[in-house]
N, C-alpha and C. Protein backbone atom coordinates (compact mmCIF):
# COMPACT_ATOMS: atom_id res chain seq x y z
N MET A 1 26.92 128.62 -25.62
CA MET A 1 25.78 127.75 -25.45
C MET A 1 25.11 127.99 -24.10
N ARG A 2 25.94 128.15 -23.05
CA ARG A 2 25.38 128.35 -21.73
C ARG A 2 24.63 129.68 -21.65
N ARG A 3 25.15 130.72 -22.31
CA ARG A 3 24.46 132.00 -22.32
C ARG A 3 23.12 131.90 -23.00
N THR A 4 23.06 131.16 -24.08
CA THR A 4 21.81 130.99 -24.81
C THR A 4 20.79 130.27 -23.93
N THR A 5 21.20 129.23 -23.25
CA THR A 5 20.30 128.48 -22.36
C THR A 5 19.83 129.37 -21.22
N THR A 6 20.73 130.12 -20.63
CA THR A 6 20.38 131.01 -19.53
C THR A 6 19.39 132.07 -20.00
N ALA A 7 19.66 132.65 -21.15
CA ALA A 7 18.75 133.67 -21.68
C ALA A 7 17.38 133.08 -21.97
N PHE A 8 17.36 131.86 -22.49
CA PHE A 8 16.10 131.19 -22.79
C PHE A 8 15.31 130.94 -21.51
N ILE A 9 15.97 130.47 -20.46
CA ILE A 9 15.30 130.19 -19.20
C ILE A 9 14.77 131.48 -18.58
N ALA A 10 15.58 132.53 -18.57
CA ALA A 10 15.15 133.81 -18.00
C ALA A 10 13.96 134.37 -18.79
N THR A 11 14.01 134.26 -20.11
CA THR A 11 12.90 134.73 -20.93
C THR A 11 11.64 133.93 -20.64
N GLY A 12 11.79 132.62 -20.50
CA GLY A 12 10.64 131.77 -20.18
C GLY A 12 10.02 132.14 -18.85
N LEU A 13 10.85 132.40 -17.85
CA LEU A 13 10.32 132.79 -16.54
C LEU A 13 9.64 134.15 -16.61
N LEU A 14 10.23 135.07 -17.35
CA LEU A 14 9.61 136.38 -17.50
C LEU A 14 8.25 136.26 -18.18
N LEU A 15 8.18 135.44 -19.22
CA LEU A 15 6.90 135.24 -19.91
C LEU A 15 5.88 134.57 -19.00
N ALA A 16 6.34 133.62 -18.19
CA ALA A 16 5.41 132.94 -17.28
C ALA A 16 4.86 133.92 -16.25
N LEU A 17 5.71 134.82 -15.78
CA LEU A 17 5.27 135.78 -14.77
C LEU A 17 4.38 136.87 -15.35
N THR A 18 4.55 137.17 -16.63
CA THR A 18 3.77 138.26 -17.22
C THR A 18 2.71 137.78 -18.20
N SER A 19 2.42 136.50 -18.20
CA SER A 19 1.40 135.98 -19.12
C SER A 19 0.02 136.49 -18.72
N CYS A 20 -0.92 136.32 -19.61
CA CYS A 20 -2.26 136.84 -19.37
C CYS A 20 -3.07 135.96 -18.43
N GLY A 21 -3.80 136.58 -17.51
CA GLY A 21 -4.75 135.88 -16.65
C GLY A 21 -4.11 135.17 -15.48
N ILE A 22 -4.91 134.98 -14.46
CA ILE A 22 -4.52 134.23 -13.28
C ILE A 22 -5.52 133.10 -13.12
N ALA A 23 -5.11 131.89 -13.42
CA ALA A 23 -6.04 130.76 -13.38
C ALA A 23 -6.42 130.39 -11.95
N ASP A 24 -5.51 130.58 -11.01
CA ASP A 24 -5.79 130.15 -9.64
C ASP A 24 -6.62 131.16 -8.85
N ASN A 25 -6.72 132.39 -9.33
CA ASN A 25 -7.43 133.42 -8.59
C ASN A 25 -8.51 134.06 -9.47
N PRO A 26 -9.62 133.35 -9.74
CA PRO A 26 -10.68 133.95 -10.55
C PRO A 26 -11.34 135.08 -9.78
N PRO A 27 -11.90 136.05 -10.48
CA PRO A 27 -12.53 137.17 -9.78
C PRO A 27 -13.72 136.70 -8.96
N ALA A 28 -13.91 137.34 -7.82
CA ALA A 28 -15.01 136.98 -6.94
C ALA A 28 -16.33 137.44 -7.56
N PRO A 29 -17.37 136.63 -7.45
CA PRO A 29 -18.67 137.05 -7.99
C PRO A 29 -19.22 138.20 -7.16
N PRO A 30 -19.95 139.11 -7.79
CA PRO A 30 -20.50 140.24 -7.03
C PRO A 30 -21.54 139.74 -6.04
N SER A 31 -21.53 140.34 -4.87
CA SER A 31 -22.50 139.93 -3.85
C SER A 31 -23.78 140.72 -4.03
N ASP A 32 -24.89 140.09 -3.73
CA ASP A 32 -26.20 140.73 -3.88
C ASP A 32 -26.79 140.91 -2.49
N LYS A 33 -26.31 141.96 -1.79
CA LYS A 33 -26.76 142.19 -0.42
C LYS A 33 -27.81 143.28 -0.33
N GLY A 34 -28.13 143.91 -1.42
CA GLY A 34 -29.09 145.01 -1.36
C GLY A 34 -28.36 146.33 -1.34
N GLY A 35 -28.99 147.38 -1.88
CA GLY A 35 -28.34 148.67 -2.04
C GLY A 35 -27.96 149.35 -0.74
N ALA A 36 -28.88 149.44 0.24
CA ALA A 36 -28.60 150.20 1.45
C ALA A 36 -27.53 149.53 2.30
N GLU A 37 -27.64 148.23 2.45
CA GLU A 37 -26.69 147.52 3.30
C GLU A 37 -25.30 147.52 2.68
N ALA A 38 -25.22 147.34 1.37
CA ALA A 38 -23.93 147.29 0.69
C ALA A 38 -23.24 148.64 0.73
N SER A 39 -23.99 149.73 0.66
CA SER A 39 -23.36 151.05 0.62
C SER A 39 -22.89 151.50 2.00
N THR A 40 -23.53 151.02 3.08
CA THR A 40 -23.14 151.46 4.41
C THR A 40 -21.98 150.65 4.97
N SER A 41 -21.79 149.44 4.52
CA SER A 41 -20.69 148.64 5.05
C SER A 41 -19.60 148.53 3.99
N SER A 42 -18.48 149.18 4.27
CA SER A 42 -17.36 149.09 3.34
C SER A 42 -16.22 148.33 4.03
N PRO A 43 -15.75 147.26 3.39
CA PRO A 43 -14.67 146.50 4.00
C PRO A 43 -13.39 147.34 4.02
N SER A 44 -12.59 147.15 5.06
CA SER A 44 -11.34 147.89 5.13
C SER A 44 -10.40 147.36 4.06
N THR A 45 -9.84 148.27 3.31
CA THR A 45 -8.95 147.88 2.22
C THR A 45 -7.52 148.18 2.62
N LYS A 46 -6.65 147.26 2.30
CA LYS A 46 -5.23 147.43 2.60
C LYS A 46 -4.58 148.12 1.41
N THR A 47 -3.71 149.02 1.68
CA THR A 47 -2.96 149.69 0.63
C THR A 47 -1.65 148.94 0.44
N TYR A 48 -1.45 148.45 -0.78
CA TYR A 48 -0.25 147.68 -1.08
C TYR A 48 0.81 148.55 -1.72
N THR A 49 2.06 148.16 -1.55
CA THR A 49 3.18 148.89 -2.11
C THR A 49 3.87 148.06 -3.20
N PHE A 50 4.82 148.68 -3.85
CA PHE A 50 5.63 148.00 -4.86
C PHE A 50 6.31 146.78 -4.24
N GLN A 51 6.83 146.93 -3.03
CA GLN A 51 7.53 145.83 -2.37
C GLN A 51 6.59 144.67 -2.03
N ASP A 52 5.31 144.95 -1.79
CA ASP A 52 4.34 143.87 -1.56
C ASP A 52 4.21 143.02 -2.82
N CYS A 53 4.20 143.67 -3.97
CA CYS A 53 4.11 142.94 -5.24
C CYS A 53 5.37 142.10 -5.46
N VAL A 54 6.54 142.69 -5.19
CA VAL A 54 7.80 141.96 -5.34
C VAL A 54 7.80 140.74 -4.41
N ALA A 55 7.31 140.93 -3.18
CA ALA A 55 7.28 139.82 -2.22
C ALA A 55 6.36 138.69 -2.71
N LEU A 56 5.22 139.05 -3.29
CA LEU A 56 4.31 138.04 -3.82
C LEU A 56 4.95 137.28 -4.97
N LEU A 57 5.56 138.00 -5.91
CA LEU A 57 6.22 137.36 -7.05
C LEU A 57 7.36 136.46 -6.58
N ASP A 58 8.12 136.94 -5.60
CA ASP A 58 9.23 136.15 -5.07
C ASP A 58 8.71 134.89 -4.37
N TYR A 59 7.62 135.01 -3.62
CA TYR A 59 7.03 133.85 -2.96
C TYR A 59 6.59 132.81 -3.99
N ASP A 60 5.89 133.27 -5.04
CA ASP A 60 5.47 132.34 -6.09
C ASP A 60 6.67 131.67 -6.74
N PHE A 61 7.75 132.42 -6.96
CA PHE A 61 8.95 131.86 -7.56
C PHE A 61 9.55 130.80 -6.64
N GLN A 62 9.63 131.10 -5.33
CA GLN A 62 10.18 130.14 -4.36
C GLN A 62 9.36 128.86 -4.32
N GLN A 63 8.06 128.98 -4.50
CA GLN A 63 7.18 127.81 -4.47
C GLN A 63 7.25 127.01 -5.76
N GLY A 64 8.00 127.52 -6.75
CA GLY A 64 8.12 126.82 -8.02
C GLY A 64 6.91 127.01 -8.90
N GLN A 65 6.12 128.05 -8.63
CA GLN A 65 4.90 128.32 -9.40
C GLN A 65 4.84 129.78 -9.82
N PRO A 66 5.83 130.23 -10.61
CA PRO A 66 5.74 131.63 -11.05
C PRO A 66 4.51 131.82 -11.92
N GLN A 67 3.80 132.89 -11.69
CA GLN A 67 2.57 133.15 -12.44
C GLN A 67 2.35 134.64 -12.57
N ASP A 68 1.45 134.99 -13.45
CA ASP A 68 1.09 136.39 -13.65
C ASP A 68 0.30 136.86 -12.44
N ALA A 69 0.84 137.81 -11.72
CA ALA A 69 0.16 138.34 -10.54
C ALA A 69 -0.26 139.79 -10.75
N SER A 70 -0.30 140.23 -12.00
CA SER A 70 -0.60 141.63 -12.27
C SER A 70 -2.00 142.03 -11.82
N LYS A 71 -2.89 141.08 -11.69
CA LYS A 71 -4.25 141.39 -11.26
C LYS A 71 -4.48 141.06 -9.77
N ALA A 72 -3.46 140.52 -9.12
CA ALA A 72 -3.56 140.25 -7.69
C ALA A 72 -3.59 141.58 -6.94
N PRO A 73 -4.25 141.64 -5.79
CA PRO A 73 -4.36 142.90 -5.05
C PRO A 73 -3.01 143.55 -4.77
N GLU A 74 -1.98 142.74 -4.54
CA GLU A 74 -0.66 143.28 -4.23
C GLU A 74 -0.03 144.00 -5.41
N CYS A 75 -0.44 143.65 -6.63
CA CYS A 75 0.19 144.20 -7.84
C CYS A 75 -0.75 144.99 -8.73
N ALA A 76 -2.05 144.91 -8.50
CA ALA A 76 -3.03 145.52 -9.40
C ALA A 76 -2.86 147.03 -9.53
N HIS A 77 -2.34 147.69 -8.52
CA HIS A 77 -2.19 149.14 -8.55
C HIS A 77 -0.99 149.60 -9.38
N LEU A 78 -0.13 148.68 -9.76
CA LEU A 78 1.09 149.05 -10.50
C LEU A 78 0.80 149.26 -11.98
N SER A 79 1.51 150.17 -12.58
CA SER A 79 1.44 150.35 -14.03
C SER A 79 2.13 149.16 -14.68
N PRO A 80 1.87 148.90 -15.95
CA PRO A 80 2.55 147.77 -16.61
C PRO A 80 4.07 147.86 -16.53
N SER A 81 4.62 149.06 -16.65
CA SER A 81 6.09 149.18 -16.56
C SER A 81 6.59 148.92 -15.14
N ASP A 82 5.84 149.35 -14.13
CA ASP A 82 6.24 149.06 -12.75
C ASP A 82 6.12 147.57 -12.44
N TYR A 83 5.08 146.93 -13.00
CA TYR A 83 4.94 145.49 -12.80
C TYR A 83 6.11 144.74 -13.44
N GLN A 84 6.49 145.16 -14.64
CA GLN A 84 7.64 144.54 -15.30
C GLN A 84 8.92 144.77 -14.50
N ARG A 85 9.04 145.94 -13.89
CA ARG A 85 10.20 146.22 -13.04
C ARG A 85 10.21 145.30 -11.82
N ALA A 86 9.03 145.03 -11.25
CA ALA A 86 8.93 144.11 -10.11
C ALA A 86 9.34 142.70 -10.52
N VAL A 87 8.87 142.26 -11.68
CA VAL A 87 9.26 140.93 -12.19
C VAL A 87 10.77 140.89 -12.40
N GLY A 88 11.32 141.94 -12.99
CA GLY A 88 12.76 142.01 -13.22
C GLY A 88 13.55 141.97 -11.93
N GLU A 89 13.02 142.60 -10.89
CA GLU A 89 13.70 142.59 -9.59
C GLU A 89 13.77 141.17 -9.03
N VAL A 90 12.69 140.43 -9.15
CA VAL A 90 12.67 139.04 -8.67
C VAL A 90 13.64 138.19 -9.48
N LEU A 91 13.60 138.35 -10.79
CA LEU A 91 14.50 137.56 -11.64
C LEU A 91 15.96 137.89 -11.37
N THR A 92 16.26 139.16 -11.15
CA THR A 92 17.63 139.55 -10.83
C THR A 92 18.06 138.96 -9.50
N LYS A 93 17.17 138.99 -8.53
CA LYS A 93 17.47 138.44 -7.20
C LYS A 93 17.72 136.92 -7.27
N ARG A 94 17.01 136.25 -8.17
CA ARG A 94 17.08 134.79 -8.27
C ARG A 94 17.94 134.30 -9.43
N LYS A 95 18.73 135.19 -10.05
CA LYS A 95 19.46 134.81 -11.26
C LYS A 95 20.41 133.64 -11.03
N ASP A 96 21.05 133.56 -9.86
CA ASP A 96 21.96 132.45 -9.61
C ASP A 96 21.23 131.12 -9.58
N GLU A 97 20.02 131.12 -9.03
CA GLU A 97 19.21 129.89 -9.02
C GLU A 97 18.75 129.52 -10.42
N ILE A 98 18.50 130.52 -11.25
CA ILE A 98 18.07 130.26 -12.62
C ILE A 98 19.22 129.71 -13.44
N ILE A 99 20.39 130.32 -13.28
CA ILE A 99 21.58 129.90 -14.04
C ILE A 99 22.06 128.54 -13.58
N ASN A 100 22.13 128.31 -12.27
CA ASN A 100 22.63 127.06 -11.73
C ASN A 100 21.60 126.53 -10.71
N PRO A 101 20.59 125.79 -11.17
CA PRO A 101 19.51 125.37 -10.27
C PRO A 101 19.95 124.46 -9.13
N THR A 102 21.14 123.90 -9.17
CA THR A 102 21.58 123.01 -8.10
C THR A 102 22.24 123.76 -6.97
N SER A 103 22.57 125.05 -7.17
CA SER A 103 23.18 125.83 -6.10
C SER A 103 22.13 126.28 -5.12
N THR A 104 22.51 126.51 -3.89
CA THR A 104 21.58 127.01 -2.87
C THR A 104 21.95 128.44 -2.55
N PRO A 105 20.95 129.28 -2.31
CA PRO A 105 21.25 130.71 -2.04
C PRO A 105 21.91 130.92 -0.72
């Protein structure tokens, strides 16, 4: 019975993390600054790594708000399989908390 409950909880968390869309982070509307000005000024872009995505997913998990972050800048560059691997890494790291929520890490 305990294995079934644990598997159900882990599956639920995985589905929550990989569900479609991010409600809290809607896409930014395009800015209308004009062609010449927009093309000459390019904002500096940060290059994110796999570990940045894992850190974001882990942070959301710690806050009690696991969500799909596949479109977040930290994770958008990952392939679907790499994103699933990042989710799996967080779930593996937090498995004791999932199995026994009253224990502290």
